[in-house]
Amino acid sequence: MTLEERVASLEQRLGKNDELVRELRDAVYVTAELETTHSKRMKELANEAAAHADWLREHQQAMRDLDSRIVGLVSGFGEFISRPQK
């Protein structure tokens, strides 16, 4: 049963002008809108989390590559320093 069908059923049983029906109708519409907004935001957050995880993996790989380059440079410098002087 859709939201509109539920509201129509309430209005039919209790009358459109009944204060309780009006309050219930308003509450149902507000709740439905909140649920929609919440659902959209949760999807956005899930997408943002996935994008962040991708970025983090790329960053970690870049840091490993940088560490390897630094080790190579330090090793090369150490070998240069330890060579006998001419």
N, C-alpha and C. Protein backbone atom coordinates (compact mmCIF):
# COMPACT_ATOMS: atom_id res chain seq x y z
N MET A 1 0.86 -1.18 0.00
CA MET A 1 0.00 0.00 0.00
C MET A 1 0.90 1.24 0.00
N THR A 2 0.64 2.14 -0.92
CA THR A 2 1.44 3.35 -1.03
C THR A 2 1.08 4.34 0.07
N LEU A 3 1.90 5.33 0.20
CA LEU A 3 1.67 6.38 1.19
C LEU A 3 0.34 7.08 0.94
N GLU A 4 0.09 7.39 -0.30
CA GLU A 4 -1.16 8.08 -0.64
C GLU A 4 -2.38 7.21 -0.33
N GLU A 5 -2.27 5.92 -0.59
CA GLU A 5 -3.38 5.00 -0.30
C GLU A 5 -3.63 4.91 1.20
N ARG A 6 -2.58 4.90 1.96
CA ARG A 6 -2.75 4.85 3.42
C ARG A 6 -3.44 6.11 3.94
N VAL A 7 -2.99 7.26 3.45
CA VAL A 7 -3.60 8.52 3.87
C VAL A 7 -5.06 8.56 3.44
N ALA A 8 -5.35 8.14 2.23
CA ALA A 8 -6.73 8.12 1.75
C ALA A 8 -7.60 7.20 2.60
N SER A 9 -7.04 6.07 3.01
CA SER A 9 -7.79 5.14 3.86
C SER A 9 -8.11 5.77 5.21
N LEU A 10 -7.12 6.45 5.78
CA LEU A 10 -7.36 7.15 7.06
C LEU A 10 -8.44 8.22 6.90
N GLU A 11 -8.32 9.02 5.84
CA GLU A 11 -9.30 10.08 5.61
C GLU A 11 -10.70 9.52 5.40
N GLN A 12 -10.79 8.40 4.73
CA GLN A 12 -12.10 7.79 4.47
C GLN A 12 -12.73 7.30 5.78
N ARG A 13 -11.91 6.70 6.62
CA ARG A 13 -12.44 6.15 7.87
C ARG A 13 -12.75 7.21 8.90
N LEU A 14 -11.90 8.23 8.98
CA LEU A 14 -12.04 9.21 10.06
C LEU A 14 -12.52 10.58 9.59
N GLY A 15 -12.48 10.82 8.30
CA GLY A 15 -12.90 12.12 7.78
C GLY A 15 -11.71 13.03 7.54
N LYS A 16 -11.78 13.81 6.47
CA LYS A 16 -10.65 14.65 6.08
C LYS A 16 -10.40 15.79 7.05
N ASN A 17 -11.42 16.25 7.73
CA ASN A 17 -11.28 17.42 8.59
C ASN A 17 -10.94 17.07 10.02
N ASP A 18 -10.90 15.81 10.34
CA ASP A 18 -10.55 15.40 11.70
C ASP A 18 -9.13 15.86 12.00
N GLU A 19 -8.94 16.52 13.13
CA GLU A 19 -7.62 17.07 13.50
C GLU A 19 -6.57 15.98 13.61
N LEU A 20 -6.94 14.86 14.17
CA LEU A 20 -6.01 13.74 14.31
C LEU A 20 -5.55 13.24 12.94
N VAL A 21 -6.46 13.16 11.99
CA VAL A 21 -6.12 12.71 10.64
C VAL A 21 -5.16 13.70 9.99
N ARG A 22 -5.41 14.98 10.16
CA ARG A 22 -4.51 15.98 9.59
C ARG A 22 -3.11 15.87 10.19
N GLU A 23 -3.04 15.70 11.50
CA GLU A 23 -1.74 15.56 12.15
C GLU A 23 -1.03 14.28 11.70
N LEU A 24 -1.77 13.19 11.60
CA LEU A 24 -1.18 11.94 11.13
C LEU A 24 -0.69 12.07 9.69
N ARG A 25 -1.50 12.69 8.87
CA ARG A 25 -1.12 12.87 7.46
C ARG A 25 0.17 13.68 7.37
N ASP A 26 0.23 14.78 8.11
CA ASP A 26 1.44 15.61 8.10
C ASP A 26 2.64 14.81 8.60
N ALA A 27 2.45 14.06 9.66
CA ALA A 27 3.54 13.27 10.23
C ALA A 27 4.02 12.20 9.25
N VAL A 28 3.08 11.58 8.56
CA VAL A 28 3.44 10.55 7.59
C VAL A 28 4.25 11.15 6.45
N TYR A 29 3.85 12.31 5.95
CA TYR A 29 4.58 12.95 4.85
C TYR A 29 5.97 13.41 5.30
N VAL A 30 6.04 13.96 6.49
CA VAL A 30 7.34 14.40 7.01
C VAL A 30 8.26 13.21 7.19
N THR A 31 7.74 12.13 7.77
CA THR A 31 8.55 10.93 7.98
C THR A 31 9.03 10.34 6.66
N ALA A 32 8.16 10.31 5.67
CA ALA A 32 8.54 9.79 4.36
C ALA A 32 9.64 10.64 3.73
N GLU A 33 9.52 11.95 3.87
CA GLU A 33 10.55 12.85 3.32
C GLU A 33 11.88 12.67 4.05
N LEU A 34 11.83 12.52 5.35
CA LEU A 34 13.05 12.28 6.14
C LEU A 34 13.71 10.96 5.74
N GLU A 35 12.91 9.94 5.53
CA GLU A 35 13.46 8.65 5.12
C GLU A 35 14.13 8.75 3.75
N THR A 36 13.53 9.49 2.84
CA THR A 36 14.11 9.68 1.51
C THR A 36 15.44 10.43 1.61
N THR A 37 15.43 11.50 2.36
CA THR A 37 16.65 12.29 2.55
C THR A 37 17.74 11.46 3.20
N HIS A 38 17.37 10.72 4.22
CA HIS A 38 18.33 9.87 4.93
C HIS A 38 18.91 8.81 3.99
N SER A 39 18.08 8.20 3.21
CA SER A 39 18.53 7.17 2.27
C SER A 39 19.52 7.75 1.26
N LYS A 40 19.21 8.93 0.72
CA LYS A 40 20.11 9.57 -0.24
C LYS A 40 21.45 9.87 0.41
N ARG A 41 21.42 10.39 1.62
CA ARG A 41 22.67 10.76 2.31
C ARG A 41 23.50 9.52 2.63
N MET A 42 22.85 8.44 3.00
CA MET A 42 23.58 7.20 3.30
C MET A 42 24.28 6.68 2.04
N LYS A 43 23.61 6.78 0.88
CA LYS A 43 24.25 6.37 -0.38
C LYS A 43 25.43 7.26 -0.69
N GLU A 44 25.27 8.57 -0.47
CA GLU A 44 26.37 9.50 -0.70
C GLU A 44 27.56 9.17 0.20
N LEU A 45 27.29 8.89 1.46
CA LEU A 45 28.36 8.55 2.40
C LEU A 45 29.06 7.26 2.01
N ALA A 46 28.30 6.29 1.55
CA ALA A 46 28.90 5.03 1.10
C ALA A 46 29.81 5.27 -0.10
N ASN A 47 29.37 6.12 -1.03
CA ASN A 47 30.20 6.45 -2.19
C ASN A 47 31.45 7.21 -1.78
N GLU A 48 31.30 8.13 -0.84
CA GLU A 48 32.46 8.89 -0.35
C GLU A 48 33.45 7.97 0.37
N ALA A 49 32.95 7.02 1.15
CA ALA A 49 33.82 6.08 1.85
C ALA A 49 34.58 5.21 0.86
N ALA A 50 33.92 4.78 -0.19
CA ALA A 50 34.58 3.96 -1.21
C ALA A 50 35.65 4.77 -1.93
N ALA A 51 35.35 6.02 -2.25
CA ALA A 51 36.33 6.88 -2.92
C ALA A 51 37.52 7.13 -2.01
N HIS A 52 37.26 7.32 -0.74
CA HIS A 52 38.35 7.54 0.22
C HIS A 52 39.22 6.29 0.34
N ALA A 53 38.61 5.12 0.36
CA ALA A 53 39.36 3.87 0.44
C ALA A 53 40.26 3.71 -0.79
N ASP A 54 39.74 4.07 -1.96
CA ASP A 54 40.55 4.03 -3.18
C ASP A 54 41.73 4.98 -3.08
N TRP A 55 41.46 6.20 -2.65
CA TRP A 55 42.52 7.19 -2.49
C TRP A 55 43.57 6.69 -1.50
N LEU A 56 43.12 6.11 -0.39
CA LEU A 56 44.05 5.63 0.63
C LEU A 56 44.96 4.53 0.08
N ARG A 57 44.40 3.61 -0.69
CA ARG A 57 45.22 2.55 -1.30
C ARG A 57 46.27 3.16 -2.24
N GLU A 58 45.85 4.12 -3.05
CA GLU A 58 46.79 4.77 -3.96
C GLU A 58 47.88 5.52 -3.19
N HIS A 59 47.48 6.19 -2.13
CA HIS A 59 48.43 6.94 -1.31
C HIS A 59 49.44 5.99 -0.65
N GLN A 60 48.97 4.89 -0.11
CA GLN A 60 49.86 3.92 0.52
C GLN A 60 50.86 3.37 -0.49
N GLN A 61 50.41 3.09 -1.71
CA GLN A 61 51.32 2.60 -2.75
C GLN A 61 52.35 3.66 -3.10
N ALA A 62 51.91 4.90 -3.21
CA ALA A 62 52.84 6.00 -3.51
C ALA A 62 53.87 6.15 -2.40
N MET A 63 53.47 5.98 -1.16
CA MET A 63 54.41 6.07 -0.04
C MET A 63 55.40 4.91 -0.06
N ARG A 64 54.94 3.71 -0.41
CA ARG A 64 55.86 2.57 -0.53
C ARG A 64 56.88 2.82 -1.64
N ASP A 65 56.42 3.36 -2.77
CA ASP A 65 57.32 3.69 -3.87
C ASP A 65 58.33 4.75 -3.44
N LEU A 66 57.87 5.75 -2.73
CA LEU A 66 58.76 6.80 -2.24
C LEU A 66 59.79 6.24 -1.27
N ASP A 67 59.33 5.37 -0.36
CA ASP A 67 60.27 4.72 0.58
C ASP A 67 61.35 3.96 -0.17
N SER A 68 60.98 3.24 -1.21
CA SER A 68 61.95 2.48 -2.01
C SER A 68 62.96 3.42 -2.66
N ARG A 69 62.49 4.53 -3.19
CA ARG A 69 63.40 5.50 -3.82
C ARG A 69 64.35 6.10 -2.79
N ILE A 70 63.83 6.42 -1.61
CA ILE A 70 64.68 6.99 -0.55
C ILE A 70 65.74 5.98 -0.13
N VAL A 71 65.35 4.72 0.04
CA VAL A 71 66.31 3.67 0.41
C VAL A 71 67.39 3.56 -0.65
N GLY A 72 66.99 3.59 -1.92
CA GLY A 72 67.97 3.53 -3.01
C GLY A 72 68.93 4.71 -2.99
N LEU A 73 68.40 5.90 -2.76
CA LEU A 73 69.25 7.09 -2.72
C LEU A 73 70.21 7.05 -1.53
N VAL A 74 69.71 6.66 -0.38
CA VAL A 74 70.56 6.59 0.82
C VAL A 74 71.63 5.53 0.63
N SER A 75 71.28 4.39 0.07
CA SER A 75 72.26 3.33 -0.18
C SER A 75 73.32 3.82 -1.15
N GLY A 76 72.90 4.47 -2.23
CA GLY A 76 73.85 5.00 -3.20
C GLY A 76 74.76 6.05 -2.59
N PHE A 77 74.20 6.89 -1.76
CA PHE A 77 75.01 7.91 -1.09
C PHE A 77 76.00 7.26 -0.14
N GLY A 78 75.54 6.23 0.59
CA GLY A 78 76.43 5.52 1.50
C GLY A 78 77.58 4.86 0.76
N GLU A 79 77.31 4.27 -0.38
CA GLU A 79 78.37 3.65 -1.18
C GLU A 79 79.34 4.71 -1.70
N PHE A 80 78.82 5.85 -2.09
CA PHE A 80 79.67 6.93 -2.59
C PHE A 80 80.61 7.42 -1.48
N ILE A 81 80.08 7.59 -0.28
CA ILE A 81 80.87 8.07 0.84
C ILE A 81 81.93 7.04 1.26
N SER A 82 81.57 5.77 1.21
CA SER A 82 82.48 4.73 1.69
C SER A 82 83.56 4.34 0.68
N ARG A 83 83.53 4.89 -0.53
CA ARG A 83 84.57 4.61 -1.52
C ARG A 83 85.90 5.21 -1.06
N PRO A 84 86.96 4.50 -1.38
CA PRO A 84 88.26 5.05 -1.01
C PRO A 84 88.53 6.37 -1.73
N GLN A 85 89.12 7.27 -1.01
CA GLN A 85 89.46 8.59 -1.58
C GLN A 85 90.66 8.45 -2.50
N LYS A 86 90.68 9.14 -3.56
CA LYS A 86 91.80 9.13 -4.50
C LYS A 86 92.74 10.25 -4.21
